[in-house]
Amino acid sequence: AEPELVHWGNLSELLPHLVGALPDGAGAMDPGVFRRSV
């Protein structure tokens, strides 16, 4: 929820391979909210 410099740096490096990113805590969401958000 509060990414730091290391997270942004890693995102930049992984971007050529990246096809998704889930928010931290997604598994604890209400299932209906989860499905509407994916």
Full PDB file with SEQRES, HELIX, SHEET, SSBOND, CRYST1, ORIGX, SCALE, CONECT and MASTER records, all heavy atoms in Angstrom:
SEQRES   1 A   38  ALA GLU PRO GLU LEU VAL HIS TRP GLY ASN LEU SER GLU          
SEQRES   2 A   38  LEU LEU PRO HIS LEU VAL GLY ALA LEU PRO ASP GLY ALA          
SEQRES   3 A   38  GLY ALA MET ASP PRO GLY VAL PHE ARG ARG SER VAL              
HELIX    1 AA1 LEU A    5  LEU A   14  1                                  10    
HELIX    2 AA2 LEU A   15  HIS A   17  5                                   3    
HELIX    3 AA3 ALA A   26  ALA A   28  5                                   3    
HELIX    4 AA4 PRO A   31  SER A   37  1                                   7    
CRYST1    1.000    1.000    1.000  90.00  90.00  90.00 P 1           1          
ORIGX1      1.000000  0.000000  0.000000        0.00000                         
ORIGX2      0.000000  1.000000  0.000000        0.00000                         
ORIGX3      0.000000  0.000000  1.000000        0.00000                         
SCALE1      1.000000  0.000000  0.000000        0.00000                         
SCALE2      0.000000  1.000000  0.000000        0.00000                         
SCALE3      0.000000  0.000000  1.000000        0.00000                         
ATOM      1  N   ALA A   1       0.821  -1.206   0.000  1.00  0.00           N  
ATOM      2  CA  ALA A   1       0.000   0.000   0.000  1.00  0.00           C  
ATOM      3  C   ALA A   1       0.856   1.257   0.000  1.00  0.00           C  
ATOM      4  O   ALA A   1       0.443   2.298  -0.526  1.00  0.00           O  
ATOM      5  CB  ALA A   1      -0.933  -0.001   1.210  1.00  0.00           C  
ATOM      6  N   GLU A   2       2.040   1.163   0.587  1.00  0.00           N  
ATOM      7  CA  GLU A   2       2.969   2.296   0.626  1.00  0.00           C  
ATOM      8  C   GLU A   2       4.314   1.854   0.069  1.00  0.00           C  
ATOM      9  O   GLU A   2       5.257   1.579   0.813  1.00  0.00           O  
ATOM     10  CB  GLU A   2       3.111   2.830   2.051  1.00  0.00           C  
ATOM     11  CG  GLU A   2       1.802   3.371   2.621  1.00  0.00           C  
ATOM     12  CD  GLU A   2       1.971   3.952   4.010  1.00  0.00           C  
ATOM     13  OE1 GLU A   2       3.121   3.980   4.509  1.00  0.00           O  
ATOM     14  OE2 GLU A   2       0.962   4.381   4.591  1.00  0.00           O  
ATOM     15  N   PRO A   3       4.423   1.754  -1.255  1.00  0.00           N  
ATOM     16  CA  PRO A   3       5.660   1.264  -1.871  1.00  0.00           C  
ATOM     17  C   PRO A   3       6.841   2.198  -1.609  1.00  0.00           C  
ATOM     18  O   PRO A   3       6.691   3.417  -1.534  1.00  0.00           O  
ATOM     19  CB  PRO A   3       5.321   1.204  -3.362  1.00  0.00           C  
ATOM     20  CG  PRO A   3       4.169   2.135  -3.539  1.00  0.00           C  
ATOM     21  CD  PRO A   3       3.396   2.086  -2.256  1.00  0.00           C  
ATOM     22  N   GLU A   4       8.002   1.583  -1.462  1.00  0.00           N  
ATOM     23  CA  GLU A   4       9.238   2.319  -1.251  1.00  0.00           C  
ATOM     24  C   GLU A   4      10.073   2.290  -2.527  1.00  0.00           C  
ATOM     25  O   GLU A   4       9.690   1.682  -3.534  1.00  0.00           O  
ATOM     26  CB  GLU A   4       9.999   1.713  -0.074  1.00  0.00           C  
ATOM     27  CG  GLU A   4       9.207   1.741   1.226  1.00  0.00           C  
ATOM     28  CD  GLU A   4       9.927   1.031   2.360  1.00  0.00           C  
ATOM     29  OE1 GLU A   4      11.043   0.506   2.143  1.00  0.00           O  
ATOM     30  OE2 GLU A   4       9.354   0.984   3.473  1.00  0.00           O  
ATOM     31  N   LEU A   5      11.231   2.930  -2.459  1.00  0.00           N  
ATOM     32  CA  LEU A   5      12.089   3.025  -3.640  1.00  0.00           C  
ATOM     33  C   LEU A   5      12.430   1.646  -4.209  1.00  0.00           C  
ATOM     34  O   LEU A   5      12.434   1.457  -5.429  1.00  0.00           O  
ATOM     35  CB  LEU A   5      13.380   3.776  -3.275  1.00  0.00           C  
ATOM     36  CG  LEU A   5      14.397   3.948  -4.410  1.00  0.00           C  
ATOM     37  CD1 LEU A   5      13.790   4.750  -5.558  1.00  0.00           C  
ATOM     38  CD2 LEU A   5      15.660   4.636  -3.880  1.00  0.00           C  
ATOM     39  N   VAL A   6      12.690   0.676  -3.334  1.00  0.00           N  
ATOM     40  CA  VAL A   6      13.060  -0.661  -3.807  1.00  0.00           C  
ATOM     41  C   VAL A   6      11.926  -1.286  -4.612  1.00  0.00           C  
ATOM     42  O   VAL A   6      12.171  -1.966  -5.627  1.00  0.00           O  
ATOM     43  CB  VAL A   6      13.463  -1.573  -2.621  1.00  0.00           C  
ATOM     44  CG1 VAL A   6      12.293  -1.794  -1.662  1.00  0.00           C  
ATOM     45  CG2 VAL A   6      13.997  -2.891  -3.125  1.00  0.00           C  
ATOM     46  N   HIS A   7      10.684  -1.034  -4.213  1.00  0.00           N  
ATOM     47  CA  HIS A   7       9.559  -1.615  -4.945  1.00  0.00           C  
ATOM     48  C   HIS A   7       9.432  -1.002  -6.337  1.00  0.00           C  
ATOM     49  O   HIS A   7       9.230  -1.722  -7.322  1.00  0.00           O  
ATOM     50  CB  HIS A   7       8.259  -1.398  -4.160  1.00  0.00           C  
ATOM     51  CG  HIS A   7       8.280  -2.014  -2.797  1.00  0.00           C  
ATOM     52  ND1 HIS A   7       8.346  -1.263  -1.647  1.00  0.00           N  
ATOM     53  CD2 HIS A   7       8.266  -3.315  -2.402  1.00  0.00           C  
ATOM     54  CE1 HIS A   7       8.356  -2.066  -0.607  1.00  0.00           C  
ATOM     55  NE2 HIS A   7       8.308  -3.314  -1.029  1.00  0.00           N  
ATOM     56  N   TRP A   8       9.569   0.320  -6.424  1.00  0.00           N  
ATOM     57  CA  TRP A   8       9.491   0.981  -7.727  1.00  0.00           C  
ATOM     58  C   TRP A   8      10.647   0.546  -8.621  1.00  0.00           C  
ATOM     59  O   TRP A   8      10.470   0.347  -9.832  1.00  0.00           O  
ATOM     60  CB  TRP A   8       9.474   2.490  -7.564  1.00  0.00           C  
ATOM     61  CG  TRP A   8       8.216   3.011  -6.946  1.00  0.00           C  
ATOM     62  CD1 TRP A   8       8.079   3.632  -5.742  1.00  0.00           C  
ATOM     63  CD2 TRP A   8       6.898   2.961  -7.508  1.00  0.00           C  
ATOM     64  NE1 TRP A   8       6.769   3.960  -5.504  1.00  0.00           N  
ATOM     65  CE2 TRP A   8       6.020   3.569  -6.573  1.00  0.00           C  
ATOM     66  CE3 TRP A   8       6.368   2.466  -8.701  1.00  0.00           C  
ATOM     67  CZ2 TRP A   8       4.650   3.690  -6.797  1.00  0.00           C  
ATOM     68  CZ3 TRP A   8       5.005   2.579  -8.928  1.00  0.00           C  
ATOM     69  CH2 TRP A   8       4.168   3.187  -7.989  1.00  0.00           C  
ATOM     70  N   GLY A   9      11.837   0.392  -8.032  1.00  0.00           N  
ATOM     71  CA  GLY A   9      12.982  -0.066  -8.816  1.00  0.00           C  
ATOM     72  C   GLY A   9      12.778  -1.470  -9.354  1.00  0.00           C  
ATOM     73  O   GLY A   9      13.078  -1.750 -10.526  1.00  0.00           O  
ATOM     74  N   ASN A  10      12.267  -2.360  -8.514  1.00  0.00           N  
ATOM     75  CA  ASN A  10      11.997  -3.722  -8.953  1.00  0.00           C  
ATOM     76  C   ASN A  10      10.923  -3.759 -10.033  1.00  0.00           C  
ATOM     77  O   ASN A  10      11.016  -4.526 -10.998  1.00  0.00           O  
ATOM     78  CB  ASN A  10      11.575  -4.582  -7.763  1.00  0.00           C  
ATOM     79  CG  ASN A  10      12.712  -4.855  -6.807  1.00  0.00           C  
ATOM     80  OD1 ASN A  10      13.882  -4.713  -7.165  1.00  0.00           O  
ATOM     81  ND2 ASN A  10      12.388  -5.240  -5.584  1.00  0.00           N  
ATOM     82  N   LEU A  11       9.902  -2.939  -9.860  1.00  0.00           N  
ATOM     83  CA  LEU A  11       8.846  -2.872 -10.873  1.00  0.00           C  
ATOM     84  C   LEU A  11       9.421  -2.500 -12.228  1.00  0.00           C  
ATOM     85  O   LEU A  11       9.098  -3.110 -13.249  1.00  0.00           O  
ATOM     86  CB  LEU A  11       7.784  -1.858 -10.450  1.00  0.00           C  
ATOM     87  CG  LEU A  11       6.639  -1.641 -11.443  1.00  0.00           C  
ATOM     88  CD1 LEU A  11       5.696  -2.835 -11.443  1.00  0.00           C  
ATOM     89  CD2 LEU A  11       5.871  -0.359 -11.120  1.00  0.00           C  
ATOM     90  N   SER A  12      10.284  -1.512 -12.235  1.00  0.00           N  
ATOM     91  CA  SER A  12      10.894  -1.065 -13.491  1.00  0.00           C  
ATOM     92  C   SER A  12      11.696  -2.186 -14.156  1.00  0.00           C  
ATOM     93  O   SER A  12      11.637  -2.376 -15.370  1.00  0.00           O  
ATOM     94  CB  SER A  12      11.796   0.147 -13.224  1.00  0.00           C  
ATOM     95  OG  SER A  12      12.439   0.558 -14.408  1.00  0.00           O  
ATOM     96  N   GLU A  13      12.442  -2.941 -13.342  1.00  0.00           N  
ATOM     97  CA  GLU A  13      13.272  -4.020 -13.889  1.00  0.00           C  
ATOM     98  C   GLU A  13      12.426  -5.189 -14.405  1.00  0.00           C  
ATOM     99  O   GLU A  13      12.780  -5.839 -15.388  1.00  0.00           O  
ATOM    100  CB  GLU A  13      14.240  -4.520 -12.816  1.00  0.00           C  
ATOM    101  CG  GLU A  13      15.317  -3.526 -12.428  1.00  0.00           C  
ATOM    102  CD  GLU A  13      16.291  -3.237 -13.558  1.00  0.00           C  
ATOM    103  OE1 GLU A  13      16.551  -4.150 -14.378  1.00  0.00           O  
ATOM    104  OE2 GLU A  13      16.777  -2.099 -13.644  1.00  0.00           O  
ATOM    105  N   LEU A  14      11.324  -5.459 -13.733  1.00  0.00           N  
ATOM    106  CA  LEU A  14      10.507  -6.613 -14.087  1.00  0.00           C  
ATOM    107  C   LEU A  14       9.481  -6.313 -15.177  1.00  0.00           C  
ATOM    108  O   LEU A  14       8.869  -7.235 -15.723  1.00  0.00           O  
ATOM    109  CB  LEU A  14       9.769  -7.127 -12.842  1.00  0.00           C  
ATOM    110  CG  LEU A  14      10.644  -7.731 -11.748  1.00  0.00           C  
ATOM    111  CD1 LEU A  14       9.808  -8.019 -10.503  1.00  0.00           C  
ATOM    112  CD2 LEU A  14      11.324  -8.999 -12.233  1.00  0.00           C  
ATOM    113  N   LEU A  15       9.311  -5.048 -15.496  1.00  0.00           N  
ATOM    114  CA  LEU A  15       8.246  -4.633 -16.411  1.00  0.00           C  
ATOM    115  C   LEU A  15       8.204  -5.404 -17.738  1.00  0.00           C  
ATOM    116  O   LEU A  15       7.105  -5.726 -18.218  1.00  0.00           O  
ATOM    117  CB  LEU A  15       8.367  -3.132 -16.683  1.00  0.00           C  
ATOM    118  CG  LEU A  15       7.056  -2.382 -16.969  1.00  0.00           C  
ATOM    119  CD1 LEU A  15       6.034  -2.639 -15.877  1.00  0.00           C  
ATOM    120  CD2 LEU A  15       7.326  -0.889 -17.108  1.00  0.00           C  
ATOM    121  N   PRO A  16       9.350  -5.742 -18.356  1.00  0.00           N  
ATOM    122  CA  PRO A  16       9.258  -6.482 -19.628  1.00  0.00           C  
ATOM    123  C   PRO A  16       8.562  -7.840 -19.505  1.00  0.00           C  
ATOM    124  O   PRO A  16       8.055  -8.358 -20.502  1.00  0.00           O  
ATOM    125  CB  PRO A  16      10.733  -6.656 -20.029  1.00  0.00           C  
ATOM    126  CG  PRO A  16      11.446  -5.542 -19.346  1.00  0.00           C  
ATOM    127  CD  PRO A  16      10.743  -5.366 -18.040  1.00  0.00           C  
ATOM    128  N   HIS A  17       8.543  -8.392 -18.299  1.00  0.00           N  
ATOM    129  CA  HIS A  17       7.936  -9.710 -18.097  1.00  0.00           C  
ATOM    130  C   HIS A  17       6.586  -9.638 -17.401  1.00  0.00           C  
ATOM    131  O   HIS A  17       5.899 -10.650 -17.272  1.00  0.00           O  
ATOM    132  CB  HIS A  17       8.857 -10.582 -17.233  1.00  0.00           C  
ATOM    133  CG  HIS A  17      10.256 -10.684 -17.739  1.00  0.00           C  
ATOM    134  ND1 HIS A  17      10.594 -11.451 -18.833  1.00  0.00           N  
ATOM    135  CD2 HIS A  17      11.412 -10.103 -17.304  1.00  0.00           C  
ATOM    136  CE1 HIS A  17      11.900 -11.348 -19.051  1.00  0.00           C  
ATOM    137  NE2 HIS A  17      12.399 -10.538 -18.143  1.00  0.00           N  
ATOM    138  N   LEU A  18       6.184  -8.456 -16.958  1.00  0.00           N  
ATOM    139  CA  LEU A  18       5.078  -8.316 -16.022  1.00  0.00           C  
ATOM    140  C   LEU A  18       3.715  -8.332 -16.715  1.00  0.00           C  
ATOM    141  O   LEU A  18       3.496  -7.611 -17.687  1.00  0.00           O  
ATOM    142  CB  LEU A  18       5.240  -7.018 -15.241  1.00  0.00           C  
ATOM    143  CG  LEU A  18       4.702  -6.960 -13.809  1.00  0.00           C  
ATOM    144  CD1 LEU A  18       5.300  -8.065 -12.952  1.00  0.00           C  
ATOM    145  CD2 LEU A  18       5.015  -5.602 -13.203  1.00  0.00           C  
ATOM    146  N   VAL A  19       2.799  -9.156 -16.184  1.00  0.00           N  
ATOM    147  CA  VAL A  19       1.444  -9.215 -16.720  1.00  0.00           C  
ATOM    148  C   VAL A  19       0.392  -8.999 -15.627  1.00  0.00           C  
ATOM    149  O   VAL A  19      -0.804  -9.172 -15.864  1.00  0.00           O  
ATOM    150  CB  VAL A  19       1.174 -10.559 -17.441  1.00  0.00           C  
ATOM    151  CG1 VAL A  19       1.989 -10.652 -18.723  1.00  0.00           C  
ATOM    152  CG2 VAL A  19       1.442 -11.746 -16.521  1.00  0.00           C  
ATOM    153  N   GLY A  20       0.842  -8.590 -14.446  1.00  0.00           N  
ATOM    154  CA  GLY A  20      -0.119  -8.315 -13.392  1.00  0.00           C  
ATOM    155  C   GLY A  20       0.551  -7.968 -12.085  1.00  0.00           C  
ATOM    156  O   GLY A  20       1.738  -8.259 -11.881  1.00  0.00           O  
ATOM    157  N   ALA A  21      -0.206  -7.327 -11.204  1.00  0.00           N  
ATOM    158  CA  ALA A  21       0.270  -6.992  -9.861  1.00  0.00           C  
ATOM    159  C   ALA A  21      -0.945  -6.898  -8.951  1.00  0.00           C  
ATOM    160  O   ALA A  21      -1.847  -6.101  -9.202  1.00  0.00           O  
ATOM    161  CB  ALA A  21       1.052  -5.685  -9.859  1.00  0.00           C  
ATOM    162  N   LEU A  22      -0.969  -7.724  -7.913  1.00  0.00           N  
ATOM    163  CA  LEU A  22      -2.081  -7.726  -6.971  1.00  0.00           C  
ATOM    164  C   LEU A  22      -1.737  -6.881  -5.758  1.00  0.00           C  
ATOM    165  O   LEU A  22      -0.589  -6.867  -5.305  1.00  0.00           O  
ATOM    166  CB  LEU A  22      -2.401  -9.153  -6.513  1.00  0.00           C  
ATOM    167  CG  LEU A  22      -3.369  -9.956  -7.391  1.00  0.00           C  
ATOM    168  CD1 LEU A  22      -2.802 -10.144  -8.789  1.00  0.00           C  
ATOM    169  CD2 LEU A  22      -3.678 -11.293  -6.745  1.00  0.00           C  
ATOM    170  N   PRO A  23      -2.719  -6.172  -5.198  1.00  0.00           N  
ATOM    171  CA  PRO A  23      -2.451  -5.392  -3.993  1.00  0.00           C  
ATOM    172  C   PRO A  23      -2.232  -6.297  -2.790  1.00  0.00           C  
ATOM    173  O   PRO A  23      -2.826  -7.376  -2.688  1.00  0.00           O  
ATOM    174  CB  PRO A  23      -3.715  -4.545  -3.835  1.00  0.00           C  
ATOM    175  CG  PRO A  23      -4.784  -5.356  -4.490  1.00  0.00           C  
ATOM    176  CD  PRO A  23      -4.118  -6.048  -5.646  1.00  0.00           C  
ATOM    177  N   ASP A  24      -1.393  -5.865  -1.895  1.00  0.00           N  
ATOM    178  CA  ASP A  24      -1.189  -6.599  -0.660  1.00  0.00           C  
ATOM    179  C   ASP A  24      -2.531  -6.736   0.069  1.00  0.00           C  
ATOM    180  O   ASP A  24      -3.300  -5.786   0.168  1.00  0.00           O  
ATOM    181  CB  ASP A  24      -0.187  -5.844   0.215  1.00  0.00           C  
ATOM    182  CG  ASP A  24       0.302  -6.672   1.380  1.00  0.00           C  
ATOM    183  OD1 ASP A  24       0.163  -7.907   1.340  1.00  0.00           O  
ATOM    184  OD2 ASP A  24       0.845  -6.083   2.333  1.00  0.00           O  
ATOM    185  N   GLY A  25      -2.813  -7.923   0.553  1.00  0.00           N  
ATOM    186  CA  GLY A  25      -4.062  -8.158   1.257  1.00  0.00           C  
ATOM    187  C   GLY A  25      -5.233  -8.524   0.371  1.00  0.00           C  
ATOM    188  O   GLY A  25      -6.359  -8.640   0.859  1.00  0.00           O  
ATOM    189  N   ALA A  26      -4.997  -8.755  -0.916  1.00  0.00           N  
ATOM    190  CA  ALA A  26      -6.103  -9.079  -1.827  1.00  0.00           C  
ATOM    191  C   ALA A  26      -6.854 -10.324  -1.389  1.00  0.00           C  
ATOM    192  O   ALA A  26      -8.076 -10.418  -1.542  1.00  0.00           O  
ATOM    193  CB  ALA A  26      -5.581  -9.245  -3.255  1.00  0.00           C  
ATOM    194  N   GLY A  27      -6.132 -11.289  -0.834  1.00  0.00           N  
ATOM    195  CA  GLY A  27      -6.774 -12.533  -0.425  1.00  0.00           C  
ATOM    196  C   GLY A  27      -7.737 -12.385   0.730  1.00  0.00           C  
ATOM    197  O   GLY A  27      -8.570 -13.264   0.964  1.00  0.00           O  
ATOM    198  N   ALA A  28      -7.638 -11.278   1.463  1.00  0.00           N  
ATOM    199  CA  ALA A  28      -8.527 -11.044   2.598  1.00  0.00           C  
ATOM    200  C   ALA A  28      -9.753 -10.211   2.216  1.00  0.00           C  
ATOM    201  O   ALA A  28     -10.592  -9.911   3.062  1.00  0.00           O  
ATOM    202  CB  ALA A  28      -7.760 -10.353   3.721  1.00  0.00           C  
ATOM    203  N   MET A  29      -9.844  -9.835   0.957  1.00  0.00           N  
ATOM    204  CA  MET A  29     -10.976  -9.032   0.505  1.00  0.00           C  
ATOM    205  C   MET A  29     -12.270  -9.823   0.529  1.00  0.00           C  
ATOM    206  O   MET A  29     -12.268 -11.063   0.459  1.00  0.00           O  
ATOM    207  CB  MET A  29     -10.753  -8.550  -0.941  1.00  0.00           C  
ATOM    208  CG  MET A  29      -9.751  -7.452  -1.105  1.00  0.00           C  
ATOM    209  SD  MET A  29      -9.653  -7.001  -2.864  1.00  0.00           S  
ATOM    210  CE  MET A  29      -8.585  -5.571  -2.777  1.00  0.00           C  
ATOM    211  N   ASP A  30     -13.386  -9.116   0.609  1.00  0.00           N  
ATOM    212  CA  ASP A  30     -14.679  -9.731   0.368  1.00  0.00           C  
ATOM    213  C   ASP A  30     -14.662 -10.328  -1.044  1.00  0.00           C  
ATOM    214  O   ASP A  30     -14.201  -9.674  -1.989  1.00  0.00           O  
ATOM    215  CB  ASP A  30     -15.772  -8.669   0.465  1.00  0.00           C  
ATOM    216  CG  ASP A  30     -17.126  -9.217   0.057  1.00  0.00           C  
ATOM    217  OD1 ASP A  30     -17.790  -9.831   0.891  1.00  0.00           O  
ATOM    218  OD2 ASP A  30     -17.489  -9.020  -1.136  1.00  0.00           O  
ATOM    219  N   PRO A  31     -15.109 -11.564  -1.212  1.00  0.00           N  
ATOM    220  CA  PRO A  31     -15.044 -12.187  -2.533  1.00  0.00           C  
ATOM    221  C   PRO A  31     -15.694 -11.382  -3.648  1.00  0.00           C  
ATOM    222  O   PRO A  31     -15.187 -11.340  -4.778  1.00  0.00           O  
ATOM    223  CB  PRO A  31     -15.755 -13.531  -2.320  1.00  0.00           C  
ATOM    224  CG  PRO A  31     -15.525 -13.843  -0.879  1.00  0.00           C  
ATOM    225  CD  PRO A  31     -15.581 -12.519  -0.185  1.00  0.00           C  
ATOM    226  N   GLY A  32     -16.808 -10.719  -3.344  1.00  0.00           N  
ATOM    227  CA  GLY A  32     -17.456  -9.913  -4.375  1.00  0.00           C  
ATOM    228  C   GLY A  32     -16.589  -8.749  -4.806  1.00  0.00           C  
ATOM    229  O   GLY A  32     -16.477  -8.446  -6.007  1.00  0.00           O  
ATOM    230  N   VAL A  33     -15.958  -8.084  -3.851  1.00  0.00           N  
ATOM    231  CA  VAL A  33     -15.047  -6.984  -4.166  1.00  0.00           C  
ATOM    232  C   VAL A  33     -13.845  -7.507  -4.936  1.00  0.00           C  
ATOM    233  O   VAL A  33     -13.395  -6.888  -5.914  1.00  0.00           O  
ATOM    234  CB  VAL A  33     -14.603  -6.268  -2.875  1.00  0.00           C  
ATOM    235  CG1 VAL A  33     -13.551  -5.204  -3.185  1.00  0.00           C  
ATOM    236  CG2 VAL A  33     -15.798  -5.651  -2.166  1.00  0.00           C  
ATOM    237  N   PHE A  34     -13.339  -8.651  -4.518  1.00  0.00           N  
ATOM    238  CA  PHE A  34     -12.203  -9.277  -5.205  1.00  0.00           C  
ATOM    239  C   PHE A  34     -12.518  -9.494  -6.680  1.00  0.00           C  
ATOM    240  O   PHE A  34     -11.757  -9.103  -7.562  1.00  0.00           O  
ATOM    241  CB  PHE A  34     -11.873 -10.604  -4.512  1.00  0.00           C  
ATOM    242  CG  PHE A  34     -10.715 -11.362  -5.090  1.00  0.00           C  
ATOM    243  CD1 PHE A  34      -9.426 -11.137  -4.628  1.00  0.00           C  
ATOM    244  CD2 PHE A  34     -10.904 -12.310  -6.088  1.00  0.00           C  
ATOM    245  CE1 PHE A  34      -8.344 -11.844  -5.149  1.00  0.00           C  
ATOM    246  CE2 PHE A  34      -9.833 -13.020  -6.622  1.00  0.00           C  
ATOM    247  CZ  PHE A  34      -8.550 -12.781  -6.142  1.00  0.00           C  
ATOM    248  N   ARG A  35     -13.660 -10.090  -6.953  1.00  0.00           N  
ATOM    249  CA  ARG A  35     -14.016 -10.408  -8.345  1.00  0.00           C  
ATOM    250  C   ARG A  35     -14.237  -9.160  -9.183  1.00  0.00           C  
ATOM    251  O   ARG A  35     -13.922  -9.142 -10.373  1.00  0.00           O  
ATOM    252  CB  ARG A  35     -15.270 -11.283  -8.369  1.00  0.00           C  
ATOM    253  CG  ARG A  35     -15.050 -12.676  -7.831  1.00  0.00           C  
ATOM    254  CD  ARG A  35     -16.370 -13.405  -7.598  1.00  0.00           C  
ATOM    255  NE  ARG A  35     -16.239 -14.318  -6.470  1.00  0.00           N  
ATOM    256  CZ  ARG A  35     -17.254 -14.766  -5.759  1.00  0.00           C  
ATOM    257  NH1 ARG A  35     -18.493 -14.376  -6.039  1.00  0.00           N  
ATOM    258  NH2 ARG A  35     -17.046 -15.596  -4.751  1.00  0.00           N  
ATOM    259  N   ARG A  36     -14.769  -8.118  -8.565  1.00  0.00           N  
ATOM    260  CA  ARG A  36     -14.975  -6.873  -9.308  1.00  0.00           C  
ATOM    261  C   ARG A  36     -13.673  -6.133  -9.571  1.00  0.00           C  
ATOM    262  O   ARG A  36     -13.627  -5.261 -10.443  1.00  0.00           O  
ATOM    263  CB  ARG A  36     -15.945  -5.967  -8.549  1.00  0.00           C  
ATOM    264  CG  ARG A  36     -17.378  -6.467  -8.505  1.00  0.00           C  
ATOM    265  CD  ARG A  36     -18.333  -5.391  -8.004  1.00  0.00           C  
ATOM    266  NE  ARG A  36     -18.082  -5.023  -6.618  1.00  0.00           N  
ATOM    267  CZ  ARG A  36     -18.622  -5.619  -5.574  1.00  0.00           C  
ATOM    268  NH1 ARG A  36     -19.440  -6.654  -5.750  1.00  0.00           N  
ATOM    269  NH2 ARG A  36     -18.364  -5.194  -4.343  1.00  0.00           N  
ATOM    270  N   SER A  37     -12.630  -6.465  -8.818  1.00  0.00           N  
ATOM    271  CA  SER A  37     -11.368  -5.722  -8.894  1.00  0.00           C  
ATOM    272  C   SER A  37     -10.304  -6.380  -9.762  1.00  0.00           C  
ATOM    273  O   SER A  37      -9.384  -5.706 -10.222  1.00  0.00           O  
ATOM    274  CB  SER A  37     -10.792  -5.541  -7.478  1.00  0.00           C  
ATOM    275  OG  SER A  37     -11.714  -4.906  -6.621  1.00  0.00           O  
ATOM    276  N   VAL A  38     -10.414  -7.688  -9.995  1.00  0.00           N  
ATOM    277  CA  VAL A  38      -9.289  -8.429 -10.571  1.00  0.00           C  
ATOM    278  C   VAL A  38      -8.852  -7.919 -11.937  1.00  0.00           C  
ATOM    279  O   VAL A  38      -7.655  -7.933 -12.252  1.00  0.00           O  
ATOM    280  CB  VAL A  38      -9.591  -9.946 -10.653  1.00  0.00           C  
ATOM    281  CG1 VAL A  38      -9.664 -10.555  -9.272  1.00  0.00           C  
ATOM    282  CG2 VAL A  38     -10.881 -10.214 -11.439  1.00  0.00           C  
TER     283      VAL A  38                                                      
MASTER        0    0    0    4    0    0    0    6  282    1    0    3          
END                                                                             
